[in-house]
Amino acid sequence: MARPPNYGQQRAEVNRGKQAKKEAKQRERDEAVAKRKAGGLDPEPEAEANSETDKPTRA
């Protein structure tokens, strides 16, 4: 005779997977924040490039 499914165990496995994914995502966010604070990335690199090209030229 087959055993009945253990729904509690299945739910726990799903929850562990969700928690692992959430922690990995948070680690990536924390690393990105640390990089920005260390000066690794400019907050708005496009703004600097566009400011030069947005100046009107008079002929």
N, C-alpha and C. Protein backbone atom coordinates (compact mmCIF):
# COMPACT_ATOMS: atom_id res chain seq x y z
N MET A 1 0.83 -1.17 0.00
CA MET A 1 0.00 0.00 0.00
C MET A 1 0.89 1.26 0.00
N ALA A 2 0.49 2.25 -0.77
CA ALA A 2 1.27 3.48 -0.89
C ALA A 2 1.06 4.37 0.33
N ARG A 3 2.09 5.10 0.64
CA ARG A 3 2.00 6.02 1.77
C ARG A 3 1.28 7.30 1.33
N PRO A 4 0.57 7.93 2.25
CA PRO A 4 -0.07 9.20 1.91
C PRO A 4 0.99 10.31 1.78
N PRO A 5 0.71 11.30 0.97
CA PRO A 5 1.70 12.38 0.80
C PRO A 5 1.87 13.18 2.10
N ASN A 6 3.09 13.59 2.34
CA ASN A 6 3.40 14.38 3.52
C ASN A 6 3.42 15.85 3.11
N TYR A 7 2.28 16.49 3.20
CA TYR A 7 2.15 17.86 2.73
C TYR A 7 3.00 18.83 3.54
N GLY A 8 3.15 18.56 4.80
CA GLY A 8 3.97 19.44 5.64
C GLY A 8 5.42 19.44 5.19
N GLN A 9 5.93 18.28 4.84
CA GLN A 9 7.32 18.18 4.37
C GLN A 9 7.47 18.88 3.02
N GLN A 10 6.50 18.70 2.14
CA GLN A 10 6.55 19.36 0.83
C GLN A 10 6.53 20.88 0.99
N ARG A 11 5.68 21.36 1.88
CA ARG A 11 5.57 22.80 2.12
C ARG A 11 6.89 23.34 2.68
N ALA A 12 7.50 22.58 3.59
CA ALA A 12 8.77 23.00 4.19
C ALA A 12 9.85 23.10 3.12
N GLU A 13 9.89 22.17 2.17
CA GLU A 13 10.87 22.22 1.09
C GLU A 13 10.67 23.46 0.23
N VAL A 14 9.42 23.77 -0.09
CA VAL A 14 9.12 24.96 -0.89
C VAL A 14 9.55 26.22 -0.13
N ASN A 15 9.23 26.26 1.16
CA ASN A 15 9.59 27.44 1.97
C ASN A 15 11.10 27.61 2.08
N ARG A 16 11.85 26.49 2.19
CA ARG A 16 13.31 26.58 2.24
C ARG A 16 13.85 27.14 0.94
N GLY A 17 13.29 26.72 -0.18
CA GLY A 17 13.72 27.24 -1.47
C GLY A 17 13.44 28.72 -1.61
N LYS A 18 12.27 29.14 -1.18
CA LYS A 18 11.90 30.56 -1.24
C LYS A 18 12.84 31.39 -0.38
N GLN A 19 13.13 30.90 0.83
CA GLN A 19 13.99 31.63 1.75
C GLN A 19 15.41 31.74 1.19
N ALA A 20 15.91 30.67 0.58
CA ALA A 20 17.26 30.70 0.00
C ALA A 20 17.33 31.71 -1.14
N LYS A 21 16.29 31.75 -1.97
CA LYS A 21 16.25 32.69 -3.09
C LYS A 21 16.19 34.13 -2.57
N LYS A 22 15.39 34.36 -1.54
CA LYS A 22 15.25 35.68 -0.96
C LYS A 22 16.58 36.15 -0.36
N GLU A 23 17.29 35.24 0.34
CA GLU A 23 18.57 35.60 0.94
C GLU A 23 19.61 35.90 -0.13
N ALA A 24 19.62 35.14 -1.22
CA ALA A 24 20.57 35.37 -2.30
C ALA A 24 20.32 36.74 -2.93
N LYS A 25 19.07 37.07 -3.14
CA LYS A 25 18.72 38.37 -3.73
C LYS A 25 19.14 39.51 -2.80
N GLN A 26 18.94 39.34 -1.50
CA GLN A 26 19.31 40.37 -0.54
C GLN A 26 20.83 40.53 -0.50
N ARG A 27 21.56 39.42 -0.61
CA ARG A 27 23.03 39.51 -0.64
C ARG A 27 23.49 40.32 -1.85
N GLU A 28 22.87 40.08 -3.01
CA GLU A 28 23.23 40.82 -4.22
C GLU A 28 22.95 42.31 -4.03
N ARG A 29 21.81 42.63 -3.42
CA ARG A 29 21.48 44.04 -3.18
C ARG A 29 22.48 44.68 -2.23
N ASP A 30 22.85 43.95 -1.17
CA ASP A 30 23.81 44.48 -0.21
C ASP A 30 25.16 44.72 -0.87
N GLU A 31 25.57 43.81 -1.74
CA GLU A 31 26.84 43.97 -2.45
C GLU A 31 26.80 45.20 -3.36
N ALA A 32 25.68 45.41 -4.02
CA ALA A 32 25.53 46.58 -4.90
C ALA A 32 25.58 47.87 -4.09
N VAL A 33 24.95 47.87 -2.93
CA VAL A 33 24.97 49.05 -2.06
C VAL A 33 26.40 49.32 -1.60
N ALA A 34 27.11 48.27 -1.20
CA ALA A 34 28.48 48.44 -0.73
C ALA A 34 29.36 48.98 -1.85
N LYS A 35 29.14 48.51 -3.07
CA LYS A 35 29.91 48.98 -4.22
C LYS A 35 29.64 50.46 -4.47
N ARG A 36 28.37 50.87 -4.40
CA ARG A 36 28.02 52.28 -4.61
C ARG A 36 28.65 53.16 -3.52
N LYS A 37 28.60 52.68 -2.28
CA LYS A 37 29.15 53.46 -1.18
C LYS A 37 30.67 53.57 -1.30
N ALA A 38 31.30 52.54 -1.87
CA ALA A 38 32.75 52.56 -2.03
C ALA A 38 33.16 53.39 -3.24
N GLY A 39 32.21 53.82 -4.04
CA GLY A 39 32.51 54.63 -5.21
C GLY A 39 32.77 53.78 -6.44
N GLY A 40 32.33 52.57 -6.44
CA GLY A 40 32.55 51.69 -7.58
C GLY A 40 31.71 52.05 -8.78
N LEU A 41 30.53 52.59 -8.55
CA LEU A 41 29.63 52.96 -9.64
C LEU A 41 29.16 54.39 -9.46
N ASP A 42 29.04 55.12 -10.55
CA ASP A 42 28.46 56.45 -10.49
C ASP A 42 26.95 56.30 -10.42
N PRO A 43 26.29 57.10 -9.60
CA PRO A 43 24.84 56.95 -9.46
C PRO A 43 24.08 57.24 -10.75
N GLU A 44 24.53 58.24 -11.53
CA GLU A 44 23.84 58.58 -12.78
C GLU A 44 24.85 58.88 -13.87
N PRO A 45 25.43 57.86 -14.48
CA PRO A 45 26.42 58.13 -15.52
C PRO A 45 25.80 58.72 -16.78
N GLU A 46 24.53 58.44 -17.04
CA GLU A 46 23.86 58.96 -18.24
C GLU A 46 23.65 60.46 -18.15
N ALA A 47 23.42 60.97 -16.95
CA ALA A 47 23.16 62.39 -16.77
C ALA A 47 24.37 63.22 -17.19
N GLU A 48 25.57 62.73 -16.88
CA GLU A 48 26.77 63.45 -17.26
C GLU A 48 26.95 63.46 -18.76
N ALA A 49 26.70 62.35 -19.41
CA ALA A 49 26.86 62.25 -20.85
C ALA A 49 25.81 63.10 -21.57
N ASN A 50 24.60 63.12 -21.08
CA ASN A 50 23.53 63.87 -21.73
C ASN A 50 23.67 65.37 -21.50
N SER A 51 24.28 65.79 -20.39
CA SER A 51 24.38 67.22 -20.12
C SER A 51 25.25 67.91 -21.17
N GLU A 52 26.22 67.22 -21.72
CA GLU A 52 27.08 67.81 -22.73
C GLU A 52 26.36 67.93 -24.08
N THR A 53 25.54 66.97 -24.40
CA THR A 53 24.87 66.97 -25.70
C THR A 53 23.59 67.77 -25.69
N ASP A 54 23.05 68.09 -24.50
CA ASP A 54 21.80 68.82 -24.42
C ASP A 54 21.98 70.34 -24.52
N LYS A 55 23.23 70.80 -24.54
CA LYS A 55 23.45 72.23 -24.63
C LYS A 55 23.07 72.74 -26.02
N PRO A 56 22.26 73.79 -26.08
CA PRO A 56 21.87 74.31 -27.40
C PRO A 56 23.03 75.00 -28.08
N THR A 57 23.14 74.81 -29.37
CA THR A 57 24.20 75.46 -30.12
C THR A 57 23.56 76.55 -30.98
N ARG A 58 24.22 77.68 -31.04
CA ARG A 58 23.68 78.78 -31.85
C ARG A 58 24.59 78.97 -33.04
N ALA A 59 23.96 79.14 -34.18
CA ALA A 59 24.74 79.30 -35.40
C ALA A 59 24.66 80.71 -35.93
